[in-house]
Amino acid sequence: MTGYVTIRENRDFRRAYSRGKYYVSPILVTYVVKNRSGLLRTGITTSKKTGNAVRRSRSRRVIRAAFRPLSGRVAGGCDLVFVARARTPMAKSQQVRRAMERHLKAAGVLR
């Protein structure tokens, strides 16, 4: 799978939070849940606990940059929701990618 679709609907995020399996690290929280569409769908959330708008935007950019090289290795048919934590804006994308890779391997969706 080379591409992915962005999750934008609140109900899809809520579904991942309530039914999904989650994996936690100090930098990132990852929710993984199967979907029926067969597509790989991803969403990123950052709360106000992360910091001001600049820090939240940086968190989203770092998470997107970390996921880009892994997206081709992730199996389709699942929703991934990445939640930024307080340390995410200060982290490099390499650190976030390592945490993300560990989470996705533990979930069994990384080839």
PDB file of N, CA and C in Angstrom:
ATOM      1  N   MET A   1       0.857  -1.176   0.000  1.00  0.00           N
ATOM      2  CA  MET A   1       0.000   0.000   0.000  1.00  0.00           C
ATOM      3  C   MET A   1       0.901   1.235   0.000  1.00  0.00           C
ATOM      4  N   THR A   2       0.728   2.092  -0.972  1.00  0.00           N
ATOM      5  CA  THR A   2       1.605   3.255  -1.074  1.00  0.00           C
ATOM      6  C   THR A   2       0.984   4.507  -0.492  1.00  0.00           C
ATOM      7  N   GLY A   3      -0.329   4.622  -0.565  1.00  0.00           N
ATOM      8  CA  GLY A   3      -0.957   5.840  -0.087  1.00  0.00           C
ATOM      9  C   GLY A   3      -1.857   5.582   1.094  1.00  0.00           C
ATOM     10  N   TYR A   4      -2.364   6.664   1.627  1.00  0.00           N
ATOM     11  CA  TYR A   4      -3.294   6.559   2.740  1.00  0.00           C
ATOM     12  C   TYR A   4      -4.275   7.709   2.663  1.00  0.00           C
ATOM     13  N   VAL A   5      -5.395   7.516   3.327  1.00  0.00           N
ATOM     14  CA  VAL A   5      -6.464   8.504   3.363  1.00  0.00           C
ATOM     15  C   VAL A   5      -6.463   9.131   4.751  1.00  0.00           C
ATOM     16  N   THR A   6      -6.723  10.416   4.831  1.00  0.00           N
ATOM     17  CA  THR A   6      -6.737  11.114   6.115  1.00  0.00           C
ATOM     18  C   THR A   6      -8.111  11.007   6.760  1.00  0.00           C
ATOM     19  N   ILE A   7      -8.129  10.679   8.035  1.00  0.00           N
ATOM     20  CA  ILE A   7      -9.384  10.639   8.806  1.00  0.00           C
ATOM     21  C   ILE A   7      -9.717  12.067   9.211  1.00  0.00           C
ATOM     22  N   ARG A   8     -10.955  12.476   8.922  1.00  0.00           N
ATOM     23  CA  ARG A   8     -11.372  13.831   9.275  1.00  0.00           C
ATOM     24  C   ARG A   8     -12.643  13.857  10.118  1.00  0.00           C
ATOM     25  N   GLU A   9     -13.407  12.782  10.079  1.00  0.00           N
ATOM     26  CA  GLU A   9     -14.692  12.734  10.777  1.00  0.00           C
ATOM     27  C   GLU A   9     -14.500  12.423  12.255  1.00  0.00           C
ATOM     28  N   ASN A  10     -15.203  13.145  13.104  1.00  0.00           N
ATOM     29  CA  ASN A  10     -15.129  12.940  14.545  1.00  0.00           C
ATOM     30  C   ASN A  10     -15.550  11.521  14.929  1.00  0.00           C
ATOM     31  N   ARG A  11     -16.544  10.976  14.245  1.00  0.00           N
ATOM     32  CA  ARG A  11     -17.022   9.629  14.587  1.00  0.00           C
ATOM     33  C   ARG A  11     -15.948   8.572  14.342  1.00  0.00           C
ATOM     34  N   ASP A  12     -15.083   8.794  13.337  1.00  0.00           N
ATOM     35  CA  ASP A  12     -13.999   7.856  13.065  1.00  0.00           C
ATOM     36  C   ASP A  12     -12.937   7.908  14.165  1.00  0.00           C
ATOM     37  N   PHE A  13     -12.642   9.102  14.653  1.00  0.00           N
ATOM     38  CA  PHE A  13     -11.714   9.234  15.773  1.00  0.00           C
ATOM     39  C   PHE A  13     -12.287   8.577  17.026  1.00  0.00           C
ATOM     40  N   ARG A  14     -13.564   8.841  17.305  1.00  0.00           N
ATOM     41  CA  ARG A  14     -14.210   8.252  18.478  1.00  0.00           C
ATOM     42  C   ARG A  14     -14.236   6.734  18.397  1.00  0.00           C
ATOM     43  N   ARG A  15     -14.448   6.198  17.194  1.00  0.00           N
ATOM     44  CA  ARG A  15     -14.453   4.747  16.996  1.00  0.00           C
ATOM     45  C   ARG A  15     -13.079   4.158  17.321  1.00  0.00           C
ATOM     46  N   ALA A  16     -12.029   4.838  16.882  1.00  0.00           N
ATOM     47  CA  ALA A  16     -10.669   4.365  17.168  1.00  0.00           C
ATOM     48  C   ALA A  16     -10.395   4.409  18.671  1.00  0.00           C
ATOM     49  N   TYR A  17     -10.841   5.466  19.340  1.00  0.00           N
ATOM     50  CA  TYR A  17     -10.606   5.582  20.773  1.00  0.00           C
ATOM     51  C   TYR A  17     -11.364   4.508  21.562  1.00  0.00           C
ATOM     52  N   SER A  18     -12.593   4.219  21.152  1.00  0.00           N
ATOM     53  CA  SER A  18     -13.402   3.285  21.936  1.00  0.00           C
ATOM     54  C   SER A  18     -13.128   1.822  21.592  1.00  0.00           C
ATOM     55  N   ARG A  19     -12.910   1.500  20.321  1.00  0.00           N
ATOM     56  CA  ARG A  19     -12.764   0.101  19.914  1.00  0.00           C
ATOM     57  C   ARG A  19     -11.337  -0.311  19.595  1.00  0.00           C
ATOM     58  N   GLY A  20     -10.455   0.666  19.432  1.00  0.00           N
ATOM     59  CA  GLY A  20      -9.107   0.357  18.989  1.00  0.00           C
ATOM     60  C   GLY A  20      -8.184  -0.104  20.097  1.00  0.00           C
ATOM     61  N   LYS A  21      -7.128  -0.780  19.696  1.00  0.00           N
ATOM     62  CA  LYS A  21      -6.057  -1.173  20.611  1.00  0.00           C
ATOM     63  C   LYS A  21      -5.071  -0.018  20.624  1.00  0.00           C
ATOM     64  N   TYR A  22      -4.539   0.321  21.788  1.00  0.00           N
ATOM     65  CA  TYR A  22      -3.634   1.466  21.840  1.00  0.00           C
ATOM     66  C   TYR A  22      -2.262   1.068  22.365  1.00  0.00           C
ATOM     67  N   TYR A  23      -1.265   1.827  21.927  1.00  0.00           N
ATOM     68  CA  TYR A  23       0.136   1.611  22.282  1.00  0.00           C
ATOM     69  C   TYR A  23       0.690   2.969  22.708  1.00  0.00           C
ATOM     70  N   VAL A  24       1.386   2.982  23.852  1.00  0.00           N
ATOM     71  CA  VAL A  24       1.787   4.242  24.466  1.00  0.00           C
ATOM     72  C   VAL A  24       3.305   4.319  24.601  1.00  0.00           C
ATOM     73  N   SER A  25       3.847   5.491  24.311  1.00  0.00           N
ATOM     74  CA  SER A  25       5.239   5.813  24.602  1.00  0.00           C
ATOM     75  C   SER A  25       5.262   7.259  25.097  1.00  0.00           C
ATOM     76  N   PRO A  26       6.376   7.728  25.643  1.00  0.00           N
ATOM     77  CA  PRO A  26       6.414   9.109  26.136  1.00  0.00           C
ATOM     78  C   PRO A  26       6.235  10.159  25.039  1.00  0.00           C
ATOM     79  N   ILE A  27       6.467   9.779  23.791  1.00  0.00           N
ATOM     80  CA  ILE A  27       6.386  10.735  22.685  1.00  0.00           C
ATOM     81  C   ILE A  27       5.064  10.652  21.941  1.00  0.00           C
ATOM     82  N   LEU A  28       4.453   9.463  21.904  1.00  0.00           N
ATOM     83  CA  LEU A  28       3.335   9.228  20.986  1.00  0.00           C
ATOM     84  C   LEU A  28       2.394   8.165  21.545  1.00  0.00           C
ATOM     85  N   VAL A  29       1.106   8.310  21.238  1.00  0.00           N
ATOM     86  CA  VAL A  29       0.117   7.267  21.495  1.00  0.00           C
ATOM     87  C   VAL A  29      -0.459   6.879  20.144  1.00  0.00           C
ATOM     88  N   THR A  30      -0.557   5.570  19.887  1.00  0.00           N
ATOM     89  CA  THR A  30      -1.071   5.078  18.614  1.00  0.00           C
ATOM     90  C   THR A  30      -2.287   4.199  18.868  1.00  0.00           C
ATOM     91  N   TYR A  31      -3.391   4.497  18.185  1.00  0.00           N
ATOM     92  CA  TYR A  31      -4.597   3.677  18.232  1.00  0.00           C
ATOM     93  C   TYR A  31      -4.712   2.957  16.899  1.00  0.00           C
ATOM     94  N   VAL A  32      -4.992   1.649  16.942  1.00  0.00           N
ATOM     95  CA  VAL A  32      -5.126   0.848  15.729  1.00  0.00           C
ATOM     96  C   VAL A  32      -6.454   0.116  15.798  1.00  0.00           C
ATOM     97  N   VAL A  33      -7.252   0.243  14.742  1.00  0.00           N
ATOM     98  CA  VAL A  33      -8.534  -0.457  14.657  1.00  0.00           C
ATOM     99  C   VAL A  33      -8.770  -0.860  13.201  1.00  0.00           C
ATOM    100  N   LYS A  34      -9.328  -2.030  12.983  1.00  0.00           N
ATOM    101  CA  LYS A  34      -9.634  -2.509  11.633  1.00  0.00           C
ATOM    102  C   LYS A  34     -10.791  -1.702  11.066  1.00  0.00           C
ATOM    103  N   ASN A  35     -10.782  -1.540   9.734  1.00  0.00           N
ATOM    104  CA  ASN A  35     -11.924  -0.908   9.070  1.00  0.00           C
ATOM    105  C   ASN A  35     -12.410  -1.811   7.946  1.00  0.00           C
ATOM    106  N   ARG A  36     -13.571  -1.520   7.439  1.00  0.00           N
ATOM    107  CA  ARG A  36     -14.165  -2.367   6.400  1.00  0.00           C
ATOM    108  C   ARG A  36     -13.830  -1.899   4.998  1.00  0.00           C
ATOM    109  N   SER A  37     -13.256  -0.733   4.868  1.00  0.00           N
ATOM    110  CA  SER A  37     -13.028  -0.171   3.534  1.00  0.00           C
ATOM    111  C   SER A  37     -11.845  -0.808   2.819  1.00  0.00           C
ATOM    112  N   GLY A  38     -10.919  -1.411   3.557  1.00  0.00           N
ATOM    113  CA  GLY A  38      -9.735  -1.983   2.934  1.00  0.00           C
ATOM    114  C   GLY A  38      -8.627  -0.968   2.696  1.00  0.00           C
ATOM    115  N   LEU A  39      -8.891   0.292   3.030  1.00  0.00           N
ATOM    116  CA  LEU A  39      -7.901   1.351   2.846  1.00  0.00           C
ATOM    117  C   LEU A  39      -7.149   1.597   4.148  1.00  0.00           C
ATOM    118  N   LEU A  40      -5.951   2.117   4.016  1.00  0.00           N
ATOM    119  CA  LEU A  40      -5.198   2.584   5.174  1.00  0.00           C
ATOM    120  C   LEU A  40      -5.626   4.022   5.434  1.00  0.00           C
ATOM    121  N   ARG A  41      -6.141   4.282   6.627  1.00  0.00           N
ATOM    122  CA  ARG A  41      -6.584   5.633   6.978  1.00  0.00           C
ATOM    123  C   ARG A  41      -5.831   6.074   8.223  1.00  0.00           C
ATOM    124  N   THR A  42      -5.377   7.320   8.221  1.00  0.00           N
ATOM    125  CA  THR A  42      -4.633   7.846   9.366  1.00  0.00           C
ATOM    126  C   THR A  42      -5.222   9.172   9.821  1.00  0.00           C
ATOM    127  N   GLY A  43      -5.097   9.423  11.111  1.00  0.00           N
ATOM    128  CA  GLY A  43      -5.517  10.686  11.686  1.00  0.00           C
ATOM    129  C   GLY A  43      -4.524  11.100  12.758  1.00  0.00           C
ATOM    130  N   ILE A  44      -4.374  12.398  12.945  1.00  0.00           N
ATOM    131  CA  ILE A  44      -3.452  12.932  13.948  1.00  0.00           C
ATOM    132  C   ILE A  44      -4.225  13.900  14.830  1.00  0.00           C
ATOM    133  N   THR A  45      -4.062  13.752  16.151  1.00  0.00           N
ATOM    134  CA  THR A  45      -4.686  14.698  17.067  1.00  0.00           C
ATOM    135  C   THR A  45      -3.635  15.268  18.011  1.00  0.00           C
ATOM    136  N   THR A  46      -3.826  16.507  18.355  1.00  0.00           N
ATOM    137  CA  THR A  46      -2.974  17.171  19.340  1.00  0.00           C
ATOM    138  C   THR A  46      -3.888  17.971  20.253  1.00  0.00           C
ATOM    139  N   SER A  47      -3.700  17.812  21.542  1.00  0.00           N
ATOM    140  CA  SER A  47      -4.557  18.527  22.477  1.00  0.00           C
ATOM    141  C   SER A  47      -3.869  19.811  22.925  1.00  0.00           C
ATOM    142  N   LYS A  48      -4.587  20.614  23.664  1.00  0.00           N
ATOM    143  CA  LYS A  48      -4.014  21.853  24.175  1.00  0.00           C
ATOM    144  C   LYS A  48      -2.938  21.598  25.216  1.00  0.00           C
ATOM    145  N   LYS A  49      -2.910  20.377  25.775  1.00  0.00           N
ATOM    146  CA  LYS A  49      -1.856  20.017  26.730  1.00  0.00           C
ATOM    147  C   LYS A  49      -0.490  20.030  26.047  1.00  0.00           C
ATOM    148  N   THR A  50      -0.484  19.840  24.736  1.00  0.00           N
ATOM    149  CA  THR A  50       0.769  19.820  23.976  1.00  0.00           C
ATOM    150  C   THR A  50       1.431  21.190  23.975  1.00  0.00           C
ATOM    151  N   GLY A  51       0.649  22.250  24.007  1.00  0.00           N
ATOM    152  CA  GLY A  51       1.202  23.599  24.014  1.00  0.00           C
ATOM    153  C   GLY A  51       0.378  24.538  23.160  1.00  0.00           C
ATOM    154  N   ASN A  52       1.001  25.648  22.785  1.00  0.00           N
ATOM    155  CA  ASN A  52       0.297  26.640  21.972  1.00  0.00           C
ATOM    156  C   ASN A  52       0.171  26.154  20.528  1.00  0.00           C
ATOM    157  N   ALA A  53      -0.394  26.964  19.658  1.00  0.00           N
ATOM    158  CA  ALA A  53      -0.672  26.560  18.277  1.00  0.00           C
ATOM    159  C   ALA A  53       0.598  26.191  17.519  1.00  0.00           C
ATOM    160  N   VAL A  54       1.693  26.882  17.793  1.00  0.00           N
ATOM    161  CA  VAL A  54       2.958  26.595  17.117  1.00  0.00           C
ATOM    162  C   VAL A  54       3.442  25.191  17.478  1.00  0.00           C
ATOM    163  N   ARG A  55       3.381  24.847  18.746  1.00  0.00           N
ATOM    164  CA  ARG A  55       3.819  23.508  19.188  1.00  0.00           C
ATOM    165  C   ARG A  55       2.896  22.417  18.661  1.00  0.00           C
ATOM    166  N   ARG A  56       1.595  22.686  18.641  1.00  0.00           N
ATOM    167  CA  ARG A  56       0.658  21.679  18.122  1.00  0.00           C
ATOM    168  C   ARG A  56       0.893  21.445  16.639  1.00  0.00           C
ATOM    169  N   SER A  57       1.122  22.502  15.895  1.00  0.00           N
ATOM    170  CA  SER A  57       1.402  22.362  14.461  1.00  0.00           C
ATOM    171  C   SER A  57       2.706  21.611  14.224  1.00  0.00           C
ATOM    172  N   ARG A  58       3.730  21.928  14.999  1.00  0.00           N
ATOM    173  CA  ARG A  58       4.997  21.214  14.873  1.00  0.00           C
ATOM    174  C   ARG A  58       4.815  19.729  15.187  1.00  0.00           C
ATOM    175  N   SER A  59       4.019  19.428  16.198  1.00  0.00           N
ATOM    176  CA  SER A  59       3.756  18.030  16.542  1.00  0.00           C
ATOM    177  C   SER A  59       3.144  17.290  15.362  1.00  0.00           C
ATOM    178  N   ARG A  60       2.158  17.895  14.727  1.00  0.00           N
ATOM    179  CA  ARG A  60       1.520  17.258  13.574  1.00  0.00           C
ATOM    180  C   ARG A  60       2.503  17.080  12.423  1.00  0.00           C
ATOM    181  N   ARG A  61       3.338  18.089  12.178  1.00  0.00           N
ATOM    182  CA  ARG A  61       4.339  17.978  11.099  1.00  0.00           C
ATOM    183  C   ARG A  61       5.332  16.864  11.367  1.00  0.00           C
ATOM    184  N   VAL A  62       5.803  16.762  12.613  1.00  0.00           N
ATOM    185  CA  VAL A  62       6.777  15.737  12.984  1.00  0.00           C
ATOM    186  C   VAL A  62       6.155  14.344  12.831  1.00  0.00           C
ATOM    187  N   ILE A  63       4.911  14.184  13.262  1.00  0.00           N
ATOM    188  CA  ILE A  63       4.244  12.885  13.144  1.00  0.00           C
ATOM    189  C   ILE A  63       4.055  12.511  11.676  1.00  0.00           C
ATOM    190  N   ARG A  64       3.628  13.465  10.848  1.00  0.00           N
ATOM    191  CA  ARG A  64       3.462  13.182   9.411  1.00  0.00           C
ATOM    192  C   ARG A  64       4.788  12.800   8.768  1.00  0.00           C
ATOM    193  N   ALA A  65       5.859  13.529   9.119  1.00  0.00           N
ATOM    194  CA  ALA A  65       7.188  13.243   8.558  1.00  0.00           C
ATOM    195  C   ALA A  65       7.684  11.866   8.997  1.00  0.00           C
ATOM    196  N   ALA A  66       7.367  11.467  10.215  1.00  0.00           N
ATOM    197  CA  ALA A  66       7.790  10.159  10.708  1.00  0.00           C
ATOM    198  C   ALA A  66       7.012   9.036  10.031  1.00  0.00           C
ATOM    199  N   PHE A  67       5.745   9.276   9.730  1.00  0.00           N
ATOM    200  CA  PHE A  67       4.911   8.225   9.142  1.00  0.00           C
ATOM    201  C   PHE A  67       5.170   8.022   7.652  1.00  0.00           C
ATOM    202  N   ARG A  68       5.580   9.065   6.961  1.00  0.00           N
ATOM    203  CA  ARG A  68       5.747   9.000   5.507  1.00  0.00           C
ATOM    204  C   ARG A  68       6.581   7.804   5.041  1.00  0.00           C
ATOM    205  N   PRO A  69       7.792   7.567   5.586  1.00  0.00           N
ATOM    206  CA  PRO A  69       8.568   6.414   5.107  1.00  0.00           C
ATOM    207  C   PRO A  69       7.971   5.063   5.505  1.00  0.00           C
ATOM    208  N   LEU A  70       7.163   5.023   6.544  1.00  0.00           N
ATOM    209  CA  LEU A  70       6.568   3.766   6.996  1.00  0.00           C
ATOM    210  C   LEU A  70       5.273   3.433   6.266  1.00  0.00           C
ATOM    211  N   SER A  71       4.661   4.400   5.608  1.00  0.00           N
ATOM    212  CA  SER A  71       3.329   4.202   5.038  1.00  0.00           C
ATOM    213  C   SER A  71       3.296   3.084   4.001  1.00  0.00           C
ATOM    214  N   GLY A  72       4.369   2.874   3.269  1.00  0.00           N
ATOM    215  CA  GLY A  72       4.393   1.812   2.270  1.00  0.00           C
ATOM    216  C   GLY A  72       4.457   0.421   2.873  1.00  0.00           C
ATOM    217  N   ARG A  73       4.883   0.320   4.119  1.00  0.00           N
ATOM    218  CA  ARG A  73       5.024  -0.982   4.776  1.00  0.00           C
ATOM    219  C   ARG A  73       3.826  -1.350   5.644  1.00  0.00           C
ATOM    220  N   VAL A  74       2.861  -0.454   5.792  1.00  0.00           N
ATOM    221  CA  VAL A  74       1.712  -0.708   6.653  1.00  0.00           C
ATOM    222  C   VAL A  74       0.615  -1.380   5.836  1.00  0.00           C
ATOM    223  N   ALA A  75       0.043  -2.444   6.392  1.00  0.00           N
ATOM    224  CA  ALA A  75      -1.026  -3.166   5.724  1.00  0.00           C
ATOM    225  C   ALA A  75      -2.285  -2.299   5.657  1.00  0.00           C
ATOM    226  N   GLY A  76      -3.043  -2.472   4.589  1.00  0.00           N
ATOM    227  CA  GLY A  76      -4.286  -1.729   4.438  1.00  0.00           C
ATOM    228  C   GLY A  76      -5.385  -2.335   5.303  1.00  0.00           C
ATOM    229  N   GLY A  77      -6.530  -1.684   5.303  1.00  0.00           N
ATOM    230  CA  GLY A  77      -7.667  -2.207   6.054  1.00  0.00           C
ATOM    231  C   GLY A  77      -7.665  -1.858   7.525  1.00  0.00           C
ATOM    232  N   CYS A  78      -6.933  -0.802   7.890  1.00  0.00           N
ATOM    233  CA  CYS A  78      -6.935  -0.399   9.300  1.00  0.00           C
ATOM    234  C   CYS A  78      -6.902   1.120   9.409  1.00  0.00           C
ATOM    235  N   ASP A  79      -7.397   1.596  10.540  1.00  0.00           N
ATOM    236  CA  ASP A  79      -7.341   3.016  10.867  1.00  0.00           C
ATOM    237  C   ASP A  79      -6.257   3.209  11.906  1.00  0.00           C
ATOM    238  N   LEU A  80      -5.419   4.199  11.708  1.00  0.00           N
ATOM    239  CA  LEU A  80      -4.367   4.551  12.657  1.00  0.00           C
ATOM    240  C   LEU A  80      -4.626   5.975  13.127  1.00  0.00           C
ATOM    241  N   VAL A  81      -4.675   6.162  14.430  1.00  0.00           N
ATOM    242  CA  VAL A  81      -4.813   7.507  14.988  1.00  0.00           C
ATOM    243  C   VAL A  81      -3.607   7.742  15.881  1.00  0.00           C
ATOM    244  N   PHE A  82      -2.859   8.790  15.563  1.00  0.00           N
ATOM    245  CA  PHE A  82      -1.675   9.153  16.327  1.00  0.00           C
ATOM    246  C   PHE A  82      -2.013  10.358  17.194  1.00  0.00           C
ATOM    247  N   VAL A  83      -1.721  10.250  18.480  1.00  0.00           N
ATOM    248  CA  VAL A  83      -2.007  11.333  19.424  1.00  0.00           C
ATOM    249  C   VAL A  83      -0.679  11.868  19.934  1.00  0.00           C
ATOM    250  N   ALA A  84      -0.451  13.154  19.736  1.00  0.00           N
ATOM    251  CA  ALA A  84       0.775  13.793  20.200  1.00  0.00           C
ATOM    252  C   ALA A  84       0.730  13.945  21.712  1.00  0.00           C
ATOM    253  N   ARG A  85       1.897  13.833  22.327  1.00  0.00           N
ATOM    254  CA  ARG A  85       2.003  14.025  23.765  1.00  0.00           C
ATOM    255  C   ARG A  85       2.843  15.274  24.031  1.00  0.00           C
ATOM    256  N   ALA A  86       3.057  15.591  25.297  1.00  0.00           N
ATOM    257  CA  ALA A  86       3.745  16.833  25.664  1.00  0.00           C
ATOM    258  C   ALA A  86       5.167  16.892  25.111  1.00  0.00           C
ATOM    259  N   ARG A  87       5.840  15.755  24.959  1.00  0.00           N
ATOM    260  CA  ARG A  87       7.219  15.744  24.463  1.00  0.00           C
ATOM    261  C   ARG A  87       7.326  15.772  22.938  1.00  0.00           C
ATOM    262  N   THR A  88       6.253  15.564  22.235  1.00  0.00           N
ATOM    263  CA  THR A  88       6.304  15.450  20.772  1.00  0.00           C
ATOM    264  C   THR A  88       6.879  16.681  20.086  1.00  0.00           C
ATOM    265  N   PRO A  89       6.521  17.917  20.455  1.00  0.00           N
ATOM    266  CA  PRO A  89       7.065  19.060  19.712  1.00  0.00           C
ATOM    267  C   PRO A  89       8.580  19.211  19.838  1.00  0.00           C
ATOM    268  N   MET A  90       9.160  18.683  20.914  1.00  0.00           N
ATOM    269  CA  MET A  90      10.602  18.807  21.091  1.00  0.00           C
ATOM    270  C   MET A  90      11.360  17.639  20.455  1.00  0.00           C
ATOM    271  N   ALA A  91      10.653  16.616  20.022  1.00  0.00           N
ATOM    272  CA  ALA A  91      11.301  15.414  19.491  1.00  0.00           C
ATOM    273  C   ALA A  91      11.626  15.578  18.010  1.00  0.00           C
ATOM    274  N   LYS A  92      12.641  14.864  17.568  1.00  0.00           N
ATOM    275  CA  LYS A  92      12.990  14.795  16.148  1.00  0.00           C
ATOM    276  C   LYS A  92      12.115  13.730  15.503  1.00  0.00           C
ATOM    277  N   SER A  93      11.931  13.825  14.192  1.00  0.00           N
ATOM    278  CA  SER A  93      11.073  12.856  13.510  1.00  0.00           C
ATOM    279  C   SER A  93      11.652  11.448  13.574  1.00  0.00           C
ATOM    280  N   GLN A  94      12.982  11.319  13.706  1.00  0.00           N
ATOM    281  CA  GLN A  94      13.604   9.993  13.837  1.00  0.00           C
ATOM    282  C   GLN A  94      13.144   9.305  15.123  1.00  0.00           C
ATOM    283  N   GLN A  95      13.082  10.048  16.224  1.00  0.00           N
ATOM    284  CA  GLN A  95      12.627   9.487  17.496  1.00  0.00           C
ATOM    285  C   GLN A  95      11.166   9.065  17.403  1.00  0.00           C
ATOM    286  N   VAL A  96      10.362   9.909  16.788  1.00  0.00           N
ATOM    287  CA  VAL A  96       8.942   9.602  16.645  1.00  0.00           C
ATOM    288  C   VAL A  96       8.768   8.380  15.744  1.00  0.00           C
ATOM    289  N   ARG A  97       9.572   8.291  14.682  1.00  0.00           N
ATOM    290  CA  ARG A  97       9.471   7.146  13.773  1.00  0.00           C
ATOM    291  C   ARG A  97       9.823   5.841  14.483  1.00  0.00           C
ATOM    292  N   ARG A  98      10.847   5.868  15.348  1.00  0.00           N
ATOM    293  CA  ARG A  98      11.208   4.651  16.096  1.00  0.00           C
ATOM    294  C   ARG A  98      10.056   4.208  16.993  1.00  0.00           C
ATOM    295  N   ALA A  99       9.448   5.151  17.704  1.00  0.00           N
ATOM    296  CA  ALA A  99       8.315   4.827  18.572  1.00  0.00           C
ATOM    297  C   ALA A  99       7.136   4.311  17.743  1.00  0.00           C
ATOM    298  N   MET A 100       6.880   4.964  16.617  1.00  0.00           N
ATOM    299  CA  MET A 100       5.783   4.576  15.736  1.00  0.00           C
ATOM    300  C   MET A 100       6.009   3.166  15.183  1.00  0.00           C
ATOM    301  N   GLU A 101       7.238   2.891  14.797  1.00  0.00           N
ATOM    302  CA  GLU A 101       7.571   1.573  14.255  1.00  0.00           C
ATOM    303  C   GLU A 101       7.347   0.484  15.317  1.00  0.00           C
ATOM    304  N   ARG A 102       7.763   0.747  16.553  1.00  0.00           N
ATOM    305  CA  ARG A 102       7.534  -0.203  17.643  1.00  0.00           C
ATOM    306  C   ARG A 102       6.048  -0.449  17.846  1.00  0.00           C
ATOM    307  N   HIS A 103       5.250   0.610  17.831  1.00  0.00           N
ATOM    308  CA  HIS A 103       3.810   0.479  18.028  1.00  0.00           C
ATOM    309  C   HIS A 103       3.176  -0.334  16.903  1.00  0.00           C
ATOM    310  N   LEU A 104       3.539  -0.028  15.660  1.00  0.00           N
ATOM    311  CA  LEU A 104       2.927  -0.707  14.525  1.00  0.00           C
ATOM    312  C   LEU A 104       3.347  -2.170  14.444  1.00  0.00           C
ATOM    313  N   LYS A 105       4.595  -2.480  14.833  1.00  0.00           N
ATOM    314  CA  LYS A 105       5.026  -3.881  14.890  1.00  0.00           C
ATOM    315  C   LYS A 105       4.252  -4.633  15.963  1.00  0.00           C
ATOM    316  N   ALA A 106       4.081  -4.011  17.125  1.00  0.00           N
ATOM    317  CA  ALA A 106       3.337  -4.653  18.210  1.00  0.00           C
ATOM    318  C   ALA A 106       1.879  -4.894  17.811  1.00  0.00           C
ATOM    319  N   ALA A 107       1.323  -3.999  16.999  1.00  0.00           N
ATOM    320  CA  ALA A 107      -0.056  -4.149  16.537  1.00  0.00           C
ATOM    321  C   ALA A 107      -0.176  -5.187  15.426  1.00  0.00           C
ATOM    322  N   GLY A 108       0.943  -5.523  14.797  1.00  0.00           N
ATOM    323  CA  GLY A 108       0.915  -6.520  13.723  1.00  0.00           C
ATOM    324  C   GLY A 108       0.480  -5.985  12.378  1.00  0.00           C
ATOM    325  N   VAL A 109       0.576  -4.685  12.168  1.00  0.00           N
ATOM    326  CA  VAL A 109       0.167  -4.102  10.884  1.00  0.00           C
ATOM    327  C   VAL A 109       1.354  -3.680  10.026  1.00  0.00           C
ATOM    328  N   LEU A 110       2.570  -3.807  10.550  1.00  0.00           N
ATOM    329  CA  LEU A 110       3.762  -3.416   9.796  1.00  0.00           C
ATOM    330  C   LEU A 110       4.367  -4.652   9.156  1.00  0.00           C
ATOM    331  N   ARG A 111       4.630  -4.566   7.854  1.00  0.00           N
ATOM    332  CA  ARG A 111       5.242  -5.696   7.140  1.00  0.00           C
ATOM    333  C   ARG A 111       6.733  -5.661   7.279  1.00  0.00           C
TER     334      ARG A 111
END
